[in-house]
Amino acid sequence: MLNVKSTYDLNTHSKFKAKATFSTWFYRIVVNESLKKIKKKKLQYIPLDEVLFNDNSPDIRIEAIEQLHEEEQREIINSYLNQGRRNVPMFCEEGVNEEIFEECKEKLTLLLHPFVPHITEEVWEIMNKKGFLSLASWPSYNEKLLNPKNEFKWKLKNNIIEDINHIKIAIKKEELENISIIIADEWKYQFYKILLSLIDETKNQGKIMKKIMQTSDLKPYSKLISQIVAKVLKNVGKFPRLILSTKEEYQFFQDIKSMIMKKCNCRVEILIEKESNEQKATQSLPGKPAIMVVAVWLPLNVSGAPASTSSKLVPM
């Protein structure tokens, strides 16, 4: 077995300074240990299935590997490396949950084993696990967490961060003072559910409006509803087909508020549409909140030099 522990101690993650990217760190482990073994003796090549699998191995592992092409295998490994590269600096700054870290470390080692078996066997030994990794059980998963609603929340979080970054690029400002995320009013969720069911039947705006207006609670908003329907029909695929309730979406953004504040380094407030006096707040839709940002601007004085600081409200 290769002695990786003498050079790399995976258990001392708190000492990792993140001076290099995760991919560089992982690459160095692979290259250095491979060179060590090459110097000691000539490598013997053994078929992958003989190394990894035996009668006691779960069939699902064999089926999973056989269905992957070489390019797909590389893509999976790269996705792990890229995610590590993005998240390691954040974990070094904010710290990690020890229990979650240990569980993730074990599960990722198991998942990477079919692709880099020699390295993962060494990692398994470093983690003081008993037996060979190739004989360990394939990781299980919680089916209750793998549902459309959680997937929607994940996309909703990513979309908000992406939209905020687009605003920064559009106004050419890296620093923001305040971000307001405005959740749509409750009547829009009622209307949107009806709209989604009607779109499956017809794309005719007149027919859709006629059926929507049969709901008396929505009649006061007929003008705005007509505008929204026209906007959705122009690009149906751009709008979510699954939505949360007003309370669920509001609570979700409250839950991730601190994360957005850390990423954007500014104040963040979560509002319901009716709580905002801004006209642009009316653009909020279920699953597509309106975003208002306050950016710090440095106006130029007569000589062309920056004058005093001012703020400007920028809608999204």
Protein backbone atom coordinates (compact mmCIF):
# COMPACT_ATOMS: atom_id res chain seq x y z
CA MET A 1 0.00 0.00 0.00
CA LEU A 2 1.17 3.53 -0.72
CA ASN A 3 2.06 5.61 2.29
CA VAL A 4 0.17 8.83 1.58
CA LYS A 5 -0.28 9.69 5.23
CA SER A 6 3.32 10.79 5.65
CA THR A 7 2.73 13.65 3.23
CA TYR A 8 -1.01 14.34 3.28
CA ASP A 9 -3.16 14.14 6.39
CA LEU A 10 -6.83 14.35 5.44
CA ASN A 11 -7.88 14.45 9.08
CA THR A 12 -6.21 17.82 9.69
CA HIS A 13 -8.62 19.70 7.42
CA SER A 14 -8.68 22.68 9.82
CA LYS A 15 -5.02 23.38 8.94
CA PHE A 16 -5.66 23.52 5.19
CA LYS A 17 -4.93 27.11 4.11
CA ALA A 18 -6.56 26.93 0.64
CA LYS A 19 -3.52 28.59 -0.96
CA ALA A 20 -3.90 26.22 -3.92
CA THR A 21 -7.10 25.11 -5.62
CA PHE A 22 -8.61 21.80 -4.59
CA SER A 23 -7.97 20.38 -8.08
CA THR A 24 -4.27 21.26 -7.84
CA TRP A 25 -4.07 19.65 -4.39
CA PHE A 26 -5.79 16.47 -5.59
CA TYR A 27 -3.67 16.37 -8.76
CA ARG A 28 -0.44 16.59 -6.76
CA ILE A 29 -1.48 13.66 -4.56
CA VAL A 30 -2.18 11.50 -7.61
CA VAL A 31 1.00 12.46 -9.49
CA ASN A 32 3.39 12.31 -6.53
CA GLU A 33 2.18 8.96 -5.27
CA SER A 34 2.16 7.50 -8.78
CA LEU A 35 5.78 8.58 -9.30
CA LYS A 36 6.77 7.02 -5.98
CA LYS A 37 5.30 3.69 -6.95
CA ILE A 38 6.80 3.79 -10.46
CA LYS A 39 10.26 4.30 -8.94
CA LYS A 40 9.83 1.33 -6.60
CA LYS A 41 8.66 -1.21 -9.15
CA LYS A 42 7.14 -1.59 -12.56
CA LEU A 43 3.38 -1.13 -12.48
CA GLN A 44 1.23 -4.19 -13.08
CA TYR A 45 -2.00 -3.50 -14.88
CA ILE A 46 -4.99 -5.47 -13.68
CA PRO A 47 -8.51 -5.23 -15.19
CA LEU A 48 -10.60 -2.73 -13.24
CA ASP A 49 -13.42 -5.19 -12.56
CA GLU A 50 -10.99 -7.68 -10.98
CA VAL A 51 -9.73 -5.02 -8.57
CA LEU A 52 -13.05 -3.48 -7.62
CA PHE A 53 -15.68 -6.16 -7.74
CA ASN A 54 -16.34 -9.62 -6.41
CA ASP A 55 -19.43 -11.66 -5.61
CA ASN A 56 -20.11 -9.62 -2.47
CA SER A 57 -20.05 -6.26 -4.26
CA PRO A 58 -23.41 -4.54 -4.91
CA ASP A 59 -24.62 -5.05 -8.50
CA ILE A 60 -25.60 -1.40 -8.72
CA ARG A 61 -21.93 -0.36 -8.71
CA ILE A 62 -21.12 -2.56 -11.70
CA GLU A 63 -24.17 -1.37 -13.63
CA ALA A 64 -23.36 2.27 -12.90
CA ILE A 65 -19.79 2.01 -14.23
CA GLU A 66 -20.72 -0.01 -17.30
CA GLN A 67 -23.22 2.64 -18.34
CA LEU A 68 -20.66 5.45 -18.19
CA HIS A 69 -18.48 6.38 -21.14
CA GLU A 70 -14.91 7.58 -20.56
CA GLU A 71 -15.93 11.22 -21.17
CA GLU A 72 -18.77 10.89 -18.66
CA GLN A 73 -16.40 9.48 -16.06
CA ARG A 74 -14.05 12.43 -16.54
CA GLU A 75 -16.99 14.81 -16.29
CA ILE A 76 -18.05 13.30 -12.95
CA ILE A 77 -14.55 13.59 -11.48
CA ASN A 78 -14.20 17.17 -12.78
CA SER A 79 -17.51 18.11 -11.20
CA TYR A 80 -16.21 16.91 -7.79
CA LEU A 81 -12.99 18.84 -8.26
CA ASN A 82 -14.72 22.02 -9.42
CA GLN A 83 -17.14 21.93 -6.51
CA GLY A 84 -14.25 21.47 -4.11
CA ARG A 85 -12.36 24.35 -5.72
CA ARG A 86 -15.34 26.66 -5.22
CA ASN A 87 -16.24 25.59 -1.68
CA VAL A 88 -12.94 24.90 0.11
CA PRO A 89 -12.04 28.62 0.56
CA MET A 90 -15.49 29.26 2.02
CA PHE A 91 -15.14 26.36 4.47
CA CYS A 92 -11.70 27.57 5.53
CA GLU A 93 -13.16 30.98 6.31
CA GLU A 94 -16.42 29.91 7.95
CA GLY A 95 -15.41 26.55 9.41
CA VAL A 96 -17.14 23.21 8.88
CA ASN A 97 -19.54 20.99 10.75
CA GLU A 98 -17.32 18.14 11.92
CA GLU A 99 -20.02 15.47 11.71
CA ILE A 100 -21.14 16.49 8.20
CA PHE A 101 -17.52 16.80 7.03
CA GLU A 102 -16.67 13.26 8.16
CA GLU A 103 -19.77 11.81 6.53
CA CYS A 104 -19.14 13.64 3.24
CA LYS A 105 -15.49 12.59 3.26
CA GLU A 106 -16.48 8.94 3.60
CA LYS A 107 -19.26 9.09 0.99
CA LEU A 108 -17.13 10.94 -1.58
CA THR A 109 -14.31 8.44 -1.13
CA LEU A 110 -16.75 5.61 -1.84
CA LEU A 111 -18.16 7.38 -4.90
CA LEU A 112 -14.72 8.18 -6.34
CA HIS A 113 -13.40 4.67 -5.81
CA PRO A 114 -14.46 3.21 -9.19
CA PHE A 115 -12.51 5.97 -10.95
CA VAL A 116 -9.32 6.27 -8.85
CA PRO A 117 -9.20 3.00 -6.82
CA HIS A 118 -5.55 3.14 -5.73
CA ILE A 119 -5.85 6.65 -4.33
CA THR A 120 -9.20 6.04 -2.61
CA GLU A 121 -7.93 2.84 -0.96
CA GLU A 122 -5.12 4.92 0.56
CA VAL A 123 -7.58 7.60 1.67
CA TRP A 124 -9.76 4.88 3.22
CA GLU A 125 -6.79 3.62 5.23
CA ILE A 126 -5.87 7.16 6.32
CA MET A 127 -9.42 7.59 7.65
CA ASN A 128 -8.82 4.47 9.79
CA LYS A 129 -11.61 2.52 8.15
CA LYS A 130 -11.63 -1.24 8.59
CA GLY A 131 -11.27 -3.62 5.66
CA PHE A 132 -10.84 -2.80 1.97
CA LEU A 133 -12.81 0.01 0.40
CA SER A 134 -13.58 -2.22 -2.59
CA LEU A 135 -15.58 -4.47 -0.25
CA ALA A 136 -17.48 -1.64 1.46
CA SER A 137 -21.19 -1.06 0.85
CA TRP A 138 -22.27 1.46 -1.75
CA PRO A 139 -23.61 4.69 -0.12
CA SER A 140 -27.34 4.84 0.46
CA TYR A 141 -29.46 7.95 0.05
CA ASN A 142 -32.57 9.50 1.58
CA GLU A 143 -35.39 9.29 -0.95
CA LYS A 144 -37.43 11.84 1.00
CA LEU A 145 -34.86 14.54 0.20
CA LEU A 146 -34.82 13.71 -3.53
CA ASN A 147 -38.07 15.38 -4.51
CA PRO A 148 -39.10 18.05 -7.04
CA LYS A 149 -39.70 20.67 -4.34
CA ASN A 150 -36.15 20.49 -2.97
CA GLU A 151 -34.74 20.49 -6.48
CA PHE A 152 -36.80 23.62 -7.19
CA LYS A 153 -35.45 25.31 -4.06
CA TRP A 154 -31.88 24.52 -5.12
CA LYS A 155 -32.45 26.10 -8.53
CA LEU A 156 -34.24 29.06 -6.94
CA LYS A 157 -31.22 29.77 -4.73
CA ASN A 158 -28.80 29.53 -7.64
CA ASN A 159 -30.98 31.71 -9.87
CA ILE A 160 -31.12 34.49 -7.26
CA ILE A 161 -27.33 34.54 -6.86
CA GLU A 162 -26.91 34.51 -10.62
CA ASP A 163 -29.41 37.37 -11.08
CA ILE A 164 -27.62 39.48 -8.46
CA ASN A 165 -24.29 38.88 -10.22
CA HIS A 166 -25.87 39.94 -13.52
CA ILE A 167 -27.03 43.18 -11.89
CA LYS A 168 -23.49 43.87 -10.67
CA ILE A 169 -22.17 43.37 -14.19
CA ALA A 170 -24.90 45.53 -15.73
CA ILE A 171 -24.27 48.48 -13.40
CA LYS A 172 -20.51 47.83 -13.32
CA LYS A 173 -20.42 47.72 -9.53
CA GLU A 174 -18.84 45.00 -7.41
CA GLU A 175 -20.05 46.41 -4.09
CA LEU A 176 -23.71 46.75 -3.12
CA GLU A 177 -25.20 48.46 -0.10
CA ASN A 178 -28.49 46.63 0.14
CA ILE A 179 -30.44 43.91 -1.68
CA SER A 180 -34.22 43.58 -1.47
CA ILE A 181 -35.69 40.26 -2.56
CA ILE A 182 -39.41 40.77 -3.11
CA ILE A 183 -41.72 37.76 -3.00
CA ALA A 184 -44.90 37.88 -5.10
CA ASP A 185 -48.26 38.55 -3.45
CA GLU A 186 -50.44 35.58 -2.59
CA TRP A 187 -52.98 36.18 -5.37
CA LYS A 188 -50.24 35.62 -7.96
CA TYR A 189 -49.65 32.09 -6.67
CA GLN A 190 -53.36 31.35 -7.00
CA PHE A 191 -53.36 32.76 -10.53
CA TYR A 192 -50.11 31.03 -11.52
CA LYS A 193 -51.39 27.57 -10.53
CA ILE A 194 -54.45 28.08 -12.73
CA LEU A 195 -52.25 29.36 -15.57
CA LEU A 196 -49.98 26.29 -15.45
CA SER A 197 -52.93 23.94 -15.73
CA LEU A 198 -54.39 25.91 -18.66
CA ILE A 199 -51.09 26.09 -20.60
CA ASP A 200 -51.16 22.30 -20.89
CA GLU A 201 -54.50 22.61 -22.67
CA THR A 202 -53.99 25.66 -24.88
CA LYS A 203 -51.55 28.46 -25.73
CA ASN A 204 -54.36 30.80 -26.85
CA GLN A 205 -54.16 33.91 -24.65
CA GLY A 206 -57.83 34.80 -25.15
CA LYS A 207 -59.05 31.39 -24.01
CA ILE A 208 -56.67 31.38 -21.05
CA MET A 209 -57.78 34.85 -19.91
CA LYS A 210 -61.44 33.92 -20.21
CA LYS A 211 -61.02 30.92 -17.91
CA ILE A 212 -58.83 32.79 -15.41
CA MET A 213 -61.35 35.59 -15.10
CA GLN A 214 -63.95 33.09 -13.99
CA THR A 215 -62.19 33.22 -10.60
CA SER A 216 -63.76 36.27 -8.94
CA ASP A 217 -60.78 36.90 -6.61
CA LEU A 218 -58.55 37.51 -9.65
CA LYS A 219 -60.78 39.96 -11.54
CA PRO A 220 -59.34 43.09 -9.84
CA TYR A 221 -55.92 42.16 -11.27
CA SER A 222 -57.09 41.50 -14.84
CA LYS A 223 -54.81 44.09 -16.48
CA LEU A 224 -51.66 42.82 -14.78
CA ILE A 225 -52.68 39.19 -15.31
CA SER A 226 -53.07 39.84 -19.05
CA GLN A 227 -49.52 41.24 -19.16
CA ILE A 228 -48.10 38.28 -17.22
CA VAL A 229 -49.90 35.71 -19.39
CA ALA A 230 -48.53 37.34 -22.56
CA LYS A 231 -45.04 37.36 -21.06
CA VAL A 232 -45.21 33.69 -20.03
CA LEU A 233 -46.60 32.52 -23.38
CA LYS A 234 -43.70 34.14 -25.24
CA ASN A 235 -41.24 31.82 -23.47
CA VAL A 236 -43.02 29.09 -21.51
CA GLY A 237 -39.80 27.19 -20.81
CA LYS A 238 -38.30 30.17 -18.98
CA PHE A 239 -40.88 30.01 -16.19
CA PRO A 240 -41.05 27.34 -13.44
CA ARG A 241 -43.66 24.61 -13.76
CA LEU A 242 -43.51 23.87 -10.04
CA ILE A 243 -43.99 26.58 -7.42
CA LEU A 244 -44.06 26.92 -3.66
CA SER A 245 -46.72 28.75 -1.66
CA THR A 246 -46.15 32.38 -0.68
CA LYS A 247 -45.28 31.38 2.88
CA GLU A 248 -42.92 28.61 1.75
CA GLU A 249 -41.04 30.83 -0.68
CA TYR A 250 -40.79 33.66 1.87
CA GLN A 251 -39.52 31.26 4.56
CA PHE A 252 -37.04 29.69 2.14
CA PHE A 253 -35.41 33.06 1.41
CA GLN A 254 -35.37 33.87 5.12
CA ASP A 255 -33.50 30.60 5.66
CA ILE A 256 -30.83 31.40 3.05
CA LYS A 257 -30.68 35.13 3.82
CA SER A 258 -27.42 34.86 5.79
CA MET A 259 -25.82 32.88 2.96
CA ILE A 260 -26.75 35.58 0.42
CA MET A 261 -25.40 38.27 2.77
CA LYS A 262 -22.04 36.48 3.00
CA LYS A 263 -21.81 35.95 -0.75
CA CYS A 264 -22.76 39.53 -1.60
CA ASN A 265 -21.19 41.21 1.44
CA CYS A 266 -24.11 43.58 2.01
CA ARG A 267 -27.46 43.87 3.79
CA VAL A 268 -30.29 41.70 2.52
CA GLU A 269 -34.00 42.06 3.22
CA ILE A 270 -36.83 39.71 2.26
CA LEU A 271 -40.16 41.38 1.55
CA ILE A 272 -43.63 40.46 0.36
CA GLU A 273 -44.71 42.51 -2.67
CA LYS A 274 -47.38 44.42 -0.72
CA GLU A 275 -44.71 45.57 1.78
CA SER A 276 -42.76 47.42 -0.92
CA ASN A 277 -43.61 50.82 -2.34
CA GLU A 278 -41.41 50.30 -5.40
CA GLN A 279 -43.21 50.04 -8.73
CA LYS A 280 -40.81 47.31 -9.89
CA ALA A 281 -42.04 45.10 -7.04
CA THR A 282 -45.10 44.34 -9.18
CA GLN A 283 -42.81 42.38 -11.54
CA SER A 284 -42.34 39.64 -8.94
CA LEU A 285 -43.75 36.24 -9.85
CA PRO A 286 -43.95 32.88 -8.08
CA GLY A 287 -40.49 31.38 -8.25
CA LYS A 288 -39.09 34.60 -9.78
CA PRO A 289 -38.84 37.27 -7.05
CA ALA A 290 -38.17 40.88 -7.95
CA ILE A 291 -34.71 42.13 -6.94
CA MET A 292 -33.92 45.71 -5.97
CA VAL A 293 -30.37 46.72 -5.14
CA VAL A 294 -28.86 49.85 -3.64
CA ALA A 295 -25.43 50.43 -5.13
CA VAL A 296 -22.78 52.84 -3.91
CA TRP A 297 -21.92 55.39 -6.58
CA LEU A 298 -19.11 57.94 -6.67
CA PRO A 299 -20.31 60.94 -8.69
CA LEU A 300 -17.63 63.03 -10.41
CA ASN A 301 -17.06 66.66 -9.47
CA VAL A 302 -16.16 69.44 -11.92
CA SER A 303 -12.53 68.33 -12.13
CA GLY A 304 -13.55 64.74 -12.98
CA ALA A 305 -12.45 63.31 -9.63
CA PRO A 306 -14.79 61.26 -7.39
CA ALA A 307 -16.89 63.43 -5.10
CA SER A 308 -18.99 62.34 -2.12
CA THR A 309 -20.61 58.89 -1.98
CA SER A 310 -24.23 58.46 -3.05
CA SER A 311 -26.65 55.56 -3.45
CA LYS A 312 -28.76 54.53 -6.38
CA LEU A 313 -31.66 52.08 -6.49
CA VAL A 314 -31.36 49.57 -9.31
CA PRO A 315 -34.30 47.26 -10.09
CA MET A 316 -34.12 43.79 -11.61
